Amino acid sequence: MRVVIGEDDLLLRQGMTAVLADDGFDVTAAVGDADALLTAVELHRPELVVTDIRMPPGDADDGLVAALRIRTLHPGTAVVVLSQYVQRRYATELLSGTPARVGYLLKQRISDLDSFLSALHAVVDGGTAIDPEVIEVMVHRARMVDGRVAHLTPRQREVLALIAEGRSNSWIAQHLVISEKAVVQHTSHIYDALGIPVDANDHRRVLAVVRYLSG
């Protein structure tokens, strides 16, 4: 699977290249600025792009702008952006439209290699990978501006956040130490409260929740 990396920190760029190569990815290019990232994507047509949000030449949100352009020009390409801090605006821009084959992770997650690689594979497979801290910010905002989220119970908000992270019912049940039946019941109440159509497909339910939270 071809992947292009965009990261201006040389050590981190080399580290990600080694980690992804060890996991079986074909790192066709690893570049240090947004312009080179766009050029590399056009040249190599990768299945996956992993990029920092803040990169040269502007040292602002150049990586995010490049990621959005890649999603427009190559909608079949999975894109994962990395950020030093939680920025809800960045998440909203990235998840606008159809939030599939996309990820937004904090850089600190890279140190957990298993979780990081699992997130990349989930995005390539058509899903989403949104950092838990980003989801927490999105749920908090939704509580402030939408009475429907505010009326969910604390447990239902926990389940809502985990669904948005892309977790399965069995994972949620194990994490919260409750039965899968209880997760299904909580999920049903959440869907009813938020007006989200029920769908057994894991990817579709994640997309529905993420779309709701980023709206």
N, C-alpha and C. Protein backbone atom coordinates (compact mmCIF):
# COMPACT_ATOMS: atom_id res chain seq x y z
N MET A 1 0.85 -1.19 0.00
CA MET A 1 0.00 0.00 0.00
C MET A 1 0.88 1.25 0.00
N ARG A 2 0.69 2.11 -0.98
CA ARG A 2 1.53 3.30 -1.11
C ARG A 2 1.07 4.39 -0.13
N VAL A 3 2.06 5.05 0.50
CA VAL A 3 1.76 6.13 1.43
C VAL A 3 2.76 7.26 1.22
N VAL A 4 2.27 8.49 1.32
CA VAL A 4 3.11 9.69 1.28
C VAL A 4 3.00 10.38 2.63
N ILE A 5 4.14 10.77 3.18
CA ILE A 5 4.20 11.43 4.48
C ILE A 5 4.60 12.88 4.30
N GLY A 6 3.91 13.77 5.00
CA GLY A 6 4.27 15.19 5.03
C GLY A 6 4.54 15.61 6.47
N GLU A 7 5.78 15.91 6.78
CA GLU A 7 6.17 16.28 8.15
C GLU A 7 7.49 17.05 8.08
N ASP A 8 7.49 18.26 8.66
CA ASP A 8 8.69 19.09 8.53
C ASP A 8 9.77 18.74 9.55
N ASP A 9 9.42 18.05 10.63
CA ASP A 9 10.41 17.62 11.60
C ASP A 9 11.14 16.38 11.06
N LEU A 10 12.43 16.53 10.81
CA LEU A 10 13.18 15.47 10.15
C LEU A 10 13.16 14.16 10.93
N LEU A 11 13.38 14.24 12.25
CA LEU A 11 13.42 13.02 13.05
C LEU A 11 12.07 12.31 13.06
N LEU A 12 10.99 13.09 13.21
CA LEU A 12 9.66 12.50 13.22
C LEU A 12 9.33 11.92 11.84
N ARG A 13 9.73 12.62 10.80
CA ARG A 13 9.49 12.14 9.43
C ARG A 13 10.20 10.80 9.20
N GLN A 14 11.45 10.73 9.63
CA GLN A 14 12.19 9.50 9.46
C GLN A 14 11.62 8.38 10.35
N GLY A 15 11.19 8.75 11.55
CA GLY A 15 10.61 7.77 12.45
C GLY A 15 9.33 7.17 11.90
N MET A 16 8.44 8.03 11.39
CA MET A 16 7.19 7.53 10.80
C MET A 16 7.47 6.67 9.58
N THR A 17 8.45 7.08 8.79
CA THR A 17 8.80 6.30 7.60
C THR A 17 9.20 4.89 8.00
N ALA A 18 10.04 4.78 9.03
CA ALA A 18 10.50 3.46 9.49
C ALA A 18 9.36 2.64 10.06
N VAL A 19 8.51 3.27 10.87
CA VAL A 19 7.39 2.56 11.49
C VAL A 19 6.42 2.03 10.44
N LEU A 20 6.06 2.87 9.48
CA LEU A 20 5.12 2.46 8.45
C LEU A 20 5.72 1.38 7.54
N ALA A 21 7.00 1.53 7.23
CA ALA A 21 7.67 0.52 6.40
C ALA A 21 7.69 -0.83 7.11
N ASP A 22 7.95 -0.82 8.41
CA ASP A 22 7.98 -2.06 9.19
C ASP A 22 6.60 -2.71 9.23
N ASP A 23 5.55 -1.91 9.10
CA ASP A 23 4.19 -2.44 9.12
C ASP A 23 3.71 -2.88 7.75
N GLY A 24 4.56 -2.75 6.74
CA GLY A 24 4.20 -3.23 5.41
C GLY A 24 3.77 -2.16 4.43
N PHE A 25 3.75 -0.89 4.86
CA PHE A 25 3.42 0.20 3.95
C PHE A 25 4.59 0.46 3.00
N ASP A 26 4.28 0.89 1.81
CA ASP A 26 5.30 1.31 0.84
C ASP A 26 5.37 2.84 0.87
N VAL A 27 6.32 3.37 1.63
CA VAL A 27 6.46 4.82 1.75
C VAL A 27 7.14 5.34 0.49
N THR A 28 6.34 5.87 -0.42
CA THR A 28 6.88 6.30 -1.71
C THR A 28 7.51 7.68 -1.65
N ALA A 29 7.15 8.47 -0.64
CA ALA A 29 7.74 9.80 -0.48
C ALA A 29 7.52 10.27 0.95
N ALA A 30 8.51 11.00 1.49
CA ALA A 30 8.39 11.61 2.81
C ALA A 30 8.99 13.01 2.67
N VAL A 31 8.14 14.02 2.75
CA VAL A 31 8.56 15.38 2.41
C VAL A 31 8.34 16.33 3.58
N GLY A 32 8.95 17.53 3.47
CA GLY A 32 8.95 18.45 4.60
C GLY A 32 8.14 19.71 4.43
N ASP A 33 7.40 19.87 3.33
CA ASP A 33 6.56 21.06 3.18
C ASP A 33 5.32 20.72 2.36
N ALA A 34 4.31 21.60 2.46
CA ALA A 34 3.02 21.33 1.85
C ALA A 34 3.08 21.29 0.33
N ASP A 35 3.89 22.14 -0.27
CA ASP A 35 4.00 22.15 -1.74
C ASP A 35 4.58 20.83 -2.24
N ALA A 36 5.61 20.35 -1.56
CA ALA A 36 6.22 19.07 -1.94
C ALA A 36 5.25 17.92 -1.72
N LEU A 37 4.38 18.05 -0.69
CA LEU A 37 3.39 17.02 -0.42
C LEU A 37 2.41 16.89 -1.59
N LEU A 38 1.91 18.02 -2.07
CA LEU A 38 0.97 17.99 -3.21
C LEU A 38 1.65 17.41 -4.45
N THR A 39 2.90 17.78 -4.68
CA THR A 39 3.64 17.27 -5.83
C THR A 39 3.82 15.75 -5.72
N ALA A 40 4.16 15.28 -4.52
CA ALA A 40 4.39 13.85 -4.31
C ALA A 40 3.11 13.05 -4.50
N VAL A 41 1.99 13.60 -4.07
CA VAL A 41 0.71 12.90 -4.23
C VAL A 41 0.36 12.78 -5.70
N GLU A 42 0.57 13.85 -6.46
CA GLU A 42 0.30 13.80 -7.89
C GLU A 42 1.21 12.79 -8.59
N LEU A 43 2.44 12.69 -8.13
CA LEU A 43 3.41 11.80 -8.77
C LEU A 43 3.17 10.33 -8.43
N HIS A 44 2.90 10.06 -7.15
CA HIS A 44 2.85 8.66 -6.69
C HIS A 44 1.43 8.10 -6.54
N ARG A 45 0.43 8.97 -6.48
CA ARG A 45 -0.96 8.54 -6.32
C ARG A 45 -1.10 7.49 -5.21
N PRO A 46 -0.78 7.86 -3.97
CA PRO A 46 -0.81 6.90 -2.87
C PRO A 46 -2.23 6.56 -2.43
N GLU A 47 -2.36 5.44 -1.74
CA GLU A 47 -3.64 5.09 -1.11
C GLU A 47 -3.84 5.85 0.19
N LEU A 48 -2.73 6.30 0.80
CA LEU A 48 -2.80 6.98 2.10
C LEU A 48 -1.83 8.15 2.14
N VAL A 49 -2.29 9.26 2.73
CA VAL A 49 -1.44 10.43 3.00
C VAL A 49 -1.50 10.70 4.50
N VAL A 50 -0.33 10.84 5.12
CA VAL A 50 -0.23 11.21 6.53
C VAL A 50 0.53 12.52 6.58
N THR A 51 -0.10 13.57 7.13
CA THR A 51 0.55 14.88 7.11
C THR A 51 0.32 15.66 8.39
N ASP A 52 1.32 16.42 8.77
CA ASP A 52 1.19 17.38 9.86
C ASP A 52 0.32 18.53 9.37
N ILE A 53 -0.38 19.17 10.30
CA ILE A 53 -1.20 20.33 9.92
C ILE A 53 -0.33 21.55 9.68
N ARG A 54 0.61 21.80 10.59
CA ARG A 54 1.46 23.00 10.48
C ARG A 54 2.77 22.64 9.78
N MET A 55 2.95 23.20 8.61
CA MET A 55 4.16 22.93 7.83
C MET A 55 4.54 24.15 7.02
N PRO A 56 5.80 24.19 6.56
CA PRO A 56 6.19 25.21 5.59
C PRO A 56 5.37 25.01 4.31
N PRO A 57 5.28 26.02 3.44
CA PRO A 57 6.07 27.26 3.50
C PRO A 57 5.53 28.33 4.44
N GLY A 58 4.27 28.24 4.85
CA GLY A 58 3.70 29.30 5.68
C GLY A 58 3.83 29.05 7.16
N ASP A 59 4.16 27.79 7.55
CA ASP A 59 4.25 27.41 8.96
C ASP A 59 2.97 27.72 9.71
N ALA A 60 1.85 27.64 9.00
CA ALA A 60 0.54 27.81 9.64
C ALA A 60 -0.23 26.51 9.42
N ASP A 61 -1.39 26.59 8.77
CA ASP A 61 -2.18 25.38 8.53
C ASP A 61 -1.97 24.86 7.10
N ASP A 62 -0.75 25.02 6.58
CA ASP A 62 -0.47 24.62 5.20
C ASP A 62 -0.72 23.14 4.96
N GLY A 63 -0.41 22.31 5.96
CA GLY A 63 -0.63 20.88 5.82
C GLY A 63 -2.11 20.54 5.73
N LEU A 64 -2.93 21.24 6.51
CA LEU A 64 -4.37 21.02 6.45
C LEU A 64 -4.92 21.45 5.10
N VAL A 65 -4.49 22.61 4.63
CA VAL A 65 -4.95 23.09 3.32
C VAL A 65 -4.58 22.08 2.23
N ALA A 66 -3.37 21.53 2.31
CA ALA A 66 -2.95 20.52 1.35
C ALA A 66 -3.82 19.27 1.47
N ALA A 67 -4.13 18.87 2.70
CA ALA A 67 -4.96 17.69 2.91
C ALA A 67 -6.36 17.88 2.31
N LEU A 68 -6.93 19.07 2.52
CA LEU A 68 -8.25 19.35 1.95
C LEU A 68 -8.21 19.33 0.42
N ARG A 69 -7.14 19.84 -0.13
CA ARG A 69 -7.01 19.83 -1.60
C ARG A 69 -6.87 18.40 -2.12
N ILE A 70 -6.11 17.59 -1.40
CA ILE A 70 -5.95 16.19 -1.80
C ILE A 70 -7.29 15.47 -1.75
N ARG A 71 -8.09 15.74 -0.72
CA ARG A 71 -9.41 15.08 -0.62
C ARG A 71 -10.33 15.51 -1.76
N THR A 72 -10.14 16.74 -2.24
CA THR A 72 -10.96 17.22 -3.36
C THR A 72 -10.51 16.62 -4.68
N LEU A 73 -9.19 16.62 -4.90
CA LEU A 73 -8.66 16.15 -6.18
C LEU A 73 -8.60 14.63 -6.26
N HIS A 74 -8.42 13.98 -5.11
CA HIS A 74 -8.29 12.52 -5.09
C HIS A 74 -9.17 11.95 -3.98
N PRO A 75 -10.48 11.95 -4.18
CA PRO A 75 -11.41 11.55 -3.11
C PRO A 75 -11.23 10.11 -2.64
N GLY A 76 -10.57 9.29 -3.44
CA GLY A 76 -10.35 7.91 -3.03
C GLY A 76 -9.14 7.73 -2.14
N THR A 77 -8.37 8.80 -1.94
CA THR A 77 -7.16 8.72 -1.12
C THR A 77 -7.51 8.94 0.35
N ALA A 78 -7.06 8.03 1.20
CA ALA A 78 -7.25 8.18 2.64
C ALA A 78 -6.27 9.24 3.16
N VAL A 79 -6.76 10.10 4.05
CA VAL A 79 -5.94 11.20 4.56
C VAL A 79 -6.02 11.24 6.08
N VAL A 80 -4.86 11.23 6.72
CA VAL A 80 -4.77 11.38 8.17
C VAL A 80 -3.91 12.59 8.48
N VAL A 81 -4.46 13.54 9.23
CA VAL A 81 -3.68 14.72 9.61
C VAL A 81 -3.30 14.63 11.08
N LEU A 82 -2.14 15.16 11.40
CA LEU A 82 -1.61 15.14 12.75
C LEU A 82 -1.51 16.57 13.27
N SER A 83 -1.85 16.75 14.53
CA SER A 83 -1.84 18.09 15.12
C SER A 83 -1.20 18.06 16.50
N GLN A 84 -0.51 19.14 16.83
CA GLN A 84 0.10 19.25 18.16
C GLN A 84 -0.97 19.52 19.21
N TYR A 85 -2.00 20.27 18.83
CA TYR A 85 -3.05 20.66 19.77
C TYR A 85 -4.42 20.41 19.15
N VAL A 86 -5.45 20.33 20.01
CA VAL A 86 -6.83 20.18 19.54
C VAL A 86 -7.31 21.50 18.96
N GLN A 87 -7.76 21.46 17.73
CA GLN A 87 -8.36 22.62 17.09
C GLN A 87 -9.66 22.16 16.45
N ARG A 88 -10.79 22.55 17.06
CA ARG A 88 -12.07 22.09 16.55
C ARG A 88 -12.30 22.56 15.11
N ARG A 89 -11.84 23.77 14.79
CA ARG A 89 -12.03 24.29 13.43
C ARG A 89 -11.38 23.38 12.41
N TYR A 90 -10.19 22.89 12.73
CA TYR A 90 -9.50 22.01 11.81
C TYR A 90 -10.31 20.72 11.60
N ALA A 91 -10.82 20.18 12.70
CA ALA A 91 -11.61 18.95 12.60
C ALA A 91 -12.86 19.17 11.76
N THR A 92 -13.52 20.30 11.98
CA THR A 92 -14.74 20.60 11.24
C THR A 92 -14.46 20.72 9.75
N GLU A 93 -13.38 21.41 9.39
CA GLU A 93 -13.03 21.56 7.98
C GLU A 93 -12.71 20.21 7.35
N LEU A 94 -11.96 19.41 8.08
CA LEU A 94 -11.54 18.12 7.55
C LEU A 94 -12.71 17.16 7.39
N LEU A 95 -13.66 17.22 8.31
CA LEU A 95 -14.77 16.28 8.31
C LEU A 95 -15.98 16.76 7.53
N SER A 96 -15.91 17.96 6.98
CA SER A 96 -17.04 18.48 6.21
C SER A 96 -17.25 17.63 4.96
N GLY A 97 -18.47 17.63 4.50
CA GLY A 97 -18.79 16.78 3.34
C GLY A 97 -19.01 15.36 3.80
N THR A 98 -18.26 14.43 3.23
CA THR A 98 -18.37 13.02 3.61
C THR A 98 -17.15 12.65 4.44
N PRO A 99 -17.33 12.50 5.76
CA PRO A 99 -16.17 12.23 6.63
C PRO A 99 -15.76 10.76 6.61
N ALA A 100 -15.42 10.26 5.44
CA ALA A 100 -14.95 8.88 5.29
C ALA A 100 -13.50 8.89 4.83
N ARG A 101 -12.76 7.84 5.18
CA ARG A 101 -11.36 7.73 4.80
C ARG A 101 -10.56 8.93 5.27
N VAL A 102 -10.81 9.33 6.52
CA VAL A 102 -10.15 10.52 7.05
C VAL A 102 -9.85 10.32 8.52
N GLY A 103 -8.73 10.90 8.97
CA GLY A 103 -8.38 10.84 10.37
C GLY A 103 -7.80 12.16 10.85
N TYR A 104 -8.02 12.45 12.13
CA TYR A 104 -7.45 13.63 12.76
C TYR A 104 -6.93 13.17 14.12
N LEU A 105 -5.61 13.07 14.26
CA LEU A 105 -5.00 12.55 15.47
C LEU A 105 -4.02 13.57 16.06
N LEU A 106 -3.92 13.55 17.37
CA LEU A 106 -2.89 14.36 18.01
C LEU A 106 -1.55 13.65 17.91
N LYS A 107 -0.49 14.42 17.79
CA LYS A 107 0.84 13.82 17.59
C LYS A 107 1.26 12.92 18.75
N GLN A 108 0.75 13.21 19.93
CA GLN A 108 1.13 12.40 21.08
C GLN A 108 0.69 10.95 20.92
N ARG A 109 -0.30 10.69 20.04
CA ARG A 109 -0.79 9.32 19.85
C ARG A 109 0.21 8.46 19.08
N ILE A 110 1.14 9.08 18.39
CA ILE A 110 2.07 8.31 17.58
C ILE A 110 2.91 7.39 18.45
N SER A 111 3.15 7.79 19.70
CA SER A 111 3.98 6.97 20.58
C SER A 111 3.34 5.62 20.89
N ASP A 112 2.00 5.55 20.79
CA ASP A 112 1.30 4.27 20.94
C ASP A 112 1.20 3.66 19.55
N LEU A 113 2.23 2.92 19.16
CA LEU A 113 2.34 2.46 17.78
C LEU A 113 1.18 1.59 17.34
N ASP A 114 0.72 0.69 18.21
CA ASP A 114 -0.38 -0.20 17.83
C ASP A 114 -1.64 0.60 17.52
N SER A 115 -1.96 1.56 18.38
CA SER A 115 -3.17 2.38 18.16
C SER A 115 -3.01 3.24 16.91
N PHE A 116 -1.81 3.80 16.73
CA PHE A 116 -1.56 4.65 15.57
C PHE A 116 -1.72 3.87 14.27
N LEU A 117 -1.12 2.70 14.21
CA LEU A 117 -1.21 1.88 12.99
C LEU A 117 -2.63 1.37 12.78
N SER A 118 -3.31 1.03 13.86
CA SER A 118 -4.71 0.59 13.73
C SER A 118 -5.57 1.71 13.16
N ALA A 119 -5.30 2.95 13.60
CA ALA A 119 -6.04 4.09 13.09
C ALA A 119 -5.80 4.28 11.59
N LEU A 120 -4.55 4.14 11.16
CA LEU A 120 -4.24 4.28 9.74
C LEU A 120 -4.96 3.23 8.91
N HIS A 121 -4.95 1.99 9.38
CA HIS A 121 -5.62 0.91 8.65
C HIS A 121 -7.13 1.14 8.61
N ALA A 122 -7.69 1.65 9.71
CA ALA A 122 -9.14 1.91 9.75
C ALA A 122 -9.52 2.96 8.71
N VAL A 123 -8.70 4.00 8.57
CA VAL A 123 -8.98 5.05 7.59
C VAL A 123 -8.85 4.52 6.17
N VAL A 124 -7.80 3.75 5.91
CA VAL A 124 -7.62 3.17 4.58
C VAL A 124 -8.80 2.27 4.22
N ASP A 125 -9.37 1.59 5.22
CA ASP A 125 -10.49 0.68 4.99
C ASP A 125 -11.83 1.41 4.81
N GLY A 126 -11.77 2.74 4.85
CA GLY A 126 -12.99 3.51 4.59
C GLY A 126 -13.62 4.14 5.81
N GLY A 127 -12.99 3.98 6.97
CA GLY A 127 -13.56 4.53 8.19
C GLY A 127 -12.98 5.88 8.57
N THR A 128 -13.15 6.22 9.84
CA THR A 128 -12.61 7.46 10.39
C THR A 128 -11.76 7.14 11.60
N ALA A 129 -10.84 8.03 11.93
CA ALA A 129 -10.02 7.88 13.13
C ALA A 129 -9.87 9.26 13.74
N ILE A 130 -10.71 9.56 14.72
CA ILE A 130 -10.70 10.88 15.33
C ILE A 130 -10.17 10.75 16.75
N ASP A 131 -9.22 11.59 17.10
CA ASP A 131 -8.58 11.53 18.40
C ASP A 131 -9.62 11.71 19.52
N PRO A 132 -9.51 10.93 20.61
CA PRO A 132 -10.46 11.07 21.72
C PRO A 132 -10.58 12.49 22.26
N GLU A 133 -9.46 13.22 22.32
CA GLU A 133 -9.53 14.60 22.83
C GLU A 133 -10.30 15.51 21.88
N VAL A 134 -10.19 15.23 20.58
CA VAL A 134 -10.95 16.01 19.60
C VAL A 134 -12.44 15.72 19.76
N ILE A 135 -12.79 14.44 19.93
CA ILE A 135 -14.18 14.06 20.13
C ILE A 135 -14.74 14.71 21.39
N GLU A 136 -13.94 14.74 22.45
CA GLU A 136 -14.39 15.36 23.70
C GLU A 136 -14.74 16.83 23.49
N VAL A 137 -13.92 17.53 22.74
CA VAL A 137 -14.19 18.94 22.45
C VAL A 137 -15.46 19.08 21.63
N MET A 138 -15.65 18.21 20.64
CA MET A 138 -16.83 18.27 19.78
C MET A 138 -18.11 17.96 20.54
N VAL A 139 -18.05 16.95 21.42
CA VAL A 139 -19.23 16.62 22.23
C VAL A 139 -19.55 17.76 23.18
N HIS A 140 -18.53 18.36 23.79
CA HIS A 140 -18.75 19.48 24.71
C HIS A 140 -19.41 20.64 23.99
N ARG A 141 -18.93 20.95 22.78
CA ARG A 141 -19.54 22.05 22.03
C ARG A 141 -20.99 21.72 21.70
N ALA A 142 -21.23 20.47 21.29
CA ALA A 142 -22.60 20.07 20.94
C ALA A 142 -23.53 20.21 22.15
N ARG A 143 -23.02 19.92 23.33
CA ARG A 143 -23.84 20.08 24.54
C ARG A 143 -24.20 21.54 24.76
N MET A 144 -23.29 22.44 24.41
CA MET A 144 -23.52 23.86 24.65
C MET A 144 -24.53 24.46 23.68
N VAL A 145 -24.54 23.95 22.44
CA VAL A 145 -25.37 24.58 21.41
C VAL A 145 -26.58 23.75 21.00
N ASP A 146 -26.65 22.50 21.45
CA ASP A 146 -27.74 21.63 21.02
C ASP A 146 -28.33 20.93 22.23
N GLY A 147 -29.57 21.28 22.56
CA GLY A 147 -30.21 20.71 23.74
C GLY A 147 -30.35 19.21 23.70
N ARG A 148 -30.34 18.63 22.50
CA ARG A 148 -30.51 17.18 22.40
C ARG A 148 -29.31 16.45 23.01
N VAL A 149 -28.12 16.94 22.75
CA VAL A 149 -26.94 16.31 23.35
C VAL A 149 -26.91 16.58 24.85
N ALA A 150 -27.30 17.77 25.26
CA ALA A 150 -27.29 18.13 26.68
C ALA A 150 -28.21 17.22 27.48
N HIS A 151 -29.27 16.70 26.84
CA HIS A 151 -30.24 15.86 27.55
C HIS A 151 -29.84 14.40 27.59
N LEU A 152 -28.74 14.03 26.93
CA LEU A 152 -28.26 12.66 27.04
C LEU A 152 -27.68 12.45 28.44
N THR A 153 -27.78 11.22 28.92
CA THR A 153 -27.19 10.91 30.22
C THR A 153 -25.66 10.89 30.10
N PRO A 154 -24.95 11.00 31.22
CA PRO A 154 -23.48 10.92 31.15
C PRO A 154 -23.01 9.64 30.47
N ARG A 155 -23.65 8.51 30.76
CA ARG A 155 -23.25 7.25 30.13
C ARG A 155 -23.50 7.28 28.63
N GLN A 156 -24.63 7.86 28.22
CA GLN A 156 -24.93 7.96 26.79
C GLN A 156 -23.93 8.85 26.08
N ARG A 157 -23.47 9.91 26.75
CA ARG A 157 -22.45 10.76 26.14
C ARG A 157 -21.13 10.02 26.01
N GLU A 158 -20.82 9.16 26.98
CA GLU A 158 -19.61 8.33 26.88
C GLU A 158 -19.71 7.42 25.65
N VAL A 159 -20.85 6.77 25.50
CA VAL A 159 -21.05 5.87 24.37
C VAL A 159 -20.99 6.65 23.06
N LEU A 160 -21.60 7.83 23.04
CA LEU A 160 -21.59 8.67 21.84
C LEU A 160 -20.15 9.00 21.43
N ALA A 161 -19.33 9.37 22.40
CA ALA A 161 -17.94 9.72 22.09
C ALA A 161 -17.17 8.52 21.55
N LEU A 162 -17.41 7.35 22.11
CA LEU A 162 -16.70 6.15 21.66
C LEU A 162 -17.17 5.71 20.28
N ILE A 163 -18.44 5.88 19.99
CA ILE A 163 -18.92 5.60 18.63
C ILE A 163 -18.21 6.51 17.65
N ALA A 164 -18.11 7.80 18.00
CA ALA A 164 -17.46 8.77 17.10
C ALA A 164 -15.99 8.43 16.88
N GLU A 165 -15.37 7.78 17.86
CA GLU A 165 -13.97 7.35 17.70
C GLU A 165 -13.85 6.15 16.78
N GLY A 166 -14.98 5.51 16.48
CA GLY A 166 -14.95 4.35 15.59
C GLY A 166 -14.95 3.03 16.33
N ARG A 167 -15.30 3.04 17.61
CA ARG A 167 -15.28 1.82 18.40
C ARG A 167 -16.50 0.94 18.13
N SER A 168 -16.30 -0.36 18.16
CA SER A 168 -17.40 -1.31 17.97
C SER A 168 -18.18 -1.48 19.26
N ASN A 169 -19.37 -2.06 19.17
CA ASN A 169 -20.17 -2.31 20.37
C ASN A 169 -19.43 -3.19 21.37
N SER A 170 -18.74 -4.22 20.86
CA SER A 170 -18.03 -5.12 21.77
C SER A 170 -16.89 -4.39 22.48
N TRP A 171 -16.19 -3.51 21.75
CA TRP A 171 -15.10 -2.75 22.37
C TRP A 171 -15.66 -1.81 23.43
N ILE A 172 -16.75 -1.12 23.10
CA ILE A 172 -17.37 -0.18 24.05
C ILE A 172 -17.82 -0.91 25.30
N ALA A 173 -18.43 -2.08 25.12
CA ALA A 173 -18.91 -2.86 26.26
C ALA A 173 -17.75 -3.24 27.18
N GLN A 174 -16.66 -3.69 26.59
CA GLN A 174 -15.50 -4.08 27.39
C GLN A 174 -14.87 -2.87 28.08
N HIS A 175 -14.78 -1.76 27.37
CA HIS A 175 -14.16 -0.56 27.92
C HIS A 175 -14.97 0.01 29.09
N LEU A 176 -16.30 0.00 28.94
CA LEU A 176 -17.17 0.58 29.97
C LEU A 176 -17.62 -0.45 31.00
N VAL A 177 -17.21 -1.69 30.80
CA VAL A 177 -17.57 -2.79 31.71
C VAL A 177 -19.10 -2.92 31.82
N ILE A 178 -19.74 -2.98 30.68
CA ILE A 178 -21.18 -3.22 30.60
C ILE A 178 -21.42 -4.27 29.52
N SER A 179 -22.65 -4.74 29.40
CA SER A 179 -22.97 -5.76 28.41
C SER A 179 -23.14 -5.12 27.03
N GLU A 180 -22.96 -5.93 25.99
CA GLU A 180 -23.21 -5.43 24.64
C GLU A 180 -24.67 -5.04 24.47
N LYS A 181 -25.57 -5.77 25.14
CA LYS A 181 -26.99 -5.42 25.08
C LYS A 181 -27.22 -4.01 25.62
N ALA A 182 -26.51 -3.66 26.69
CA ALA A 182 -26.65 -2.32 27.26
C ALA A 182 -26.12 -1.27 26.29
N VAL A 183 -25.02 -1.59 25.58
CA VAL A 183 -24.48 -0.67 24.58
C VAL A 183 -25.50 -0.44 23.48
N VAL A 184 -26.13 -1.52 23.01
CA VAL A 184 -27.14 -1.41 21.95
C VAL A 184 -28.29 -0.53 22.42
N GLN A 185 -28.71 -0.70 23.66
CA GLN A 185 -29.81 0.11 24.19
C GLN A 185 -29.41 1.58 24.29
N HIS A 186 -28.21 1.84 24.79
CA HIS A 186 -27.74 3.23 24.86
C HIS A 186 -27.66 3.83 23.46
N THR A 187 -27.13 3.06 22.52
CA THR A 187 -26.98 3.55 21.14
C THR A 187 -28.33 3.89 20.54
N SER A 188 -29.31 3.03 20.79
CA SER A 188 -30.66 3.27 20.27
C SER A 188 -31.23 4.57 20.82
N HIS A 189 -31.06 4.80 22.12
CA HIS A 189 -31.55 6.04 22.74
C HIS A 189 -30.83 7.27 22.16
N ILE A 190 -29.51 7.12 21.93
CA ILE A 190 -28.74 8.23 21.35
C ILE A 190 -29.25 8.57 19.96
N TYR A 191 -29.44 7.56 19.13
CA TYR A 191 -29.94 7.78 17.77
C TYR A 191 -31.30 8.46 17.80
N ASP A 192 -32.17 7.98 18.68
CA ASP A 192 -33.52 8.57 18.78
C ASP A 192 -33.42 10.04 19.20
N ALA A 193 -32.59 10.32 20.21
CA ALA A 193 -32.48 11.69 20.73
C ALA A 193 -31.90 12.64 19.71
N LEU A 194 -30.94 12.16 18.91
CA LEU A 194 -30.26 13.03 17.95
C LEU A 194 -30.88 13.00 16.56
N GLY A 195 -31.85 12.13 16.37
CA GLY A 195 -32.48 12.04 15.06
C GLY A 195 -31.59 11.42 14.00
N ILE A 196 -30.71 10.50 14.42
CA ILE A 196 -29.79 9.84 13.49
C ILE A 196 -30.40 8.50 13.08
N PRO A 197 -30.50 8.20 11.79
CA PRO A 197 -31.05 6.91 11.36
C PRO A 197 -30.22 5.75 11.90
N VAL A 198 -30.89 4.71 12.36
CA VAL A 198 -30.20 3.54 12.87
C VAL A 198 -29.58 2.78 11.72
N ASP A 199 -28.32 2.36 11.89
CA ASP A 199 -27.63 1.59 10.85
C ASP A 199 -26.67 0.64 11.54
N ALA A 200 -26.76 -0.63 11.22
CA ALA A 200 -25.93 -1.64 11.86
C ALA A 200 -24.49 -1.59 11.36
N ASN A 201 -24.26 -0.96 10.21
CA ASN A 201 -22.93 -0.89 9.64
C ASN A 201 -22.06 0.04 10.48
N ASP A 202 -20.93 -0.49 10.99
CA ASP A 202 -20.08 0.29 11.89
C ASP A 202 -19.59 1.58 11.25
N HIS A 203 -19.12 1.51 10.00
CA HIS A 203 -18.61 2.70 9.33
C HIS A 203 -19.69 3.75 9.20
N ARG A 204 -20.88 3.33 8.78
CA ARG A 204 -21.96 4.29 8.55
C ARG A 204 -22.41 4.95 9.84
N ARG A 205 -22.44 4.20 10.93
CA ARG A 205 -22.90 4.81 12.18
C ARG A 205 -21.86 5.80 12.68
N VAL A 206 -20.57 5.49 12.50
CA VAL A 206 -19.52 6.44 12.87
C VAL A 206 -19.64 7.71 12.03
N LEU A 207 -19.82 7.54 10.74
CA LEU A 207 -19.94 8.71 9.86
C LEU A 207 -21.13 9.57 10.25
N ALA A 208 -22.26 8.91 10.60
CA ALA A 208 -23.46 9.66 10.98
C ALA A 208 -23.21 10.48 12.24
N VAL A 209 -22.56 9.88 13.23
CA VAL A 209 -22.30 10.58 14.48
C VAL A 209 -21.30 11.71 14.27
N VAL A 210 -20.22 11.43 13.54
CA VAL A 210 -19.21 12.46 13.28
C VAL A 210 -19.80 13.63 12.50
N ARG A 211 -20.63 13.30 11.50
CA ARG A 211 -21.27 14.37 10.73
C ARG A 211 -22.14 15.22 11.63
N TYR A 212 -22.85 14.59 12.57
CA TYR A 212 -23.71 15.33 13.48
C TYR A 212 -22.87 16.25 14.38
N LEU A 213 -21.79 15.73 14.94
CA LEU A 213 -20.98 16.50 15.87
C LEU A 213 -20.22 17.63 15.18
N SER A 214 -19.90 17.45 13.91
CA SER A 214 -19.13 18.49 13.22
C SER A 214 -20.03 19.49 12.49
N GLY A 215 -21.33 19.31 12.61
CA GLY A 215 -22.28 20.18 11.92
C GLY A 215 -22.40 21.54 12.58
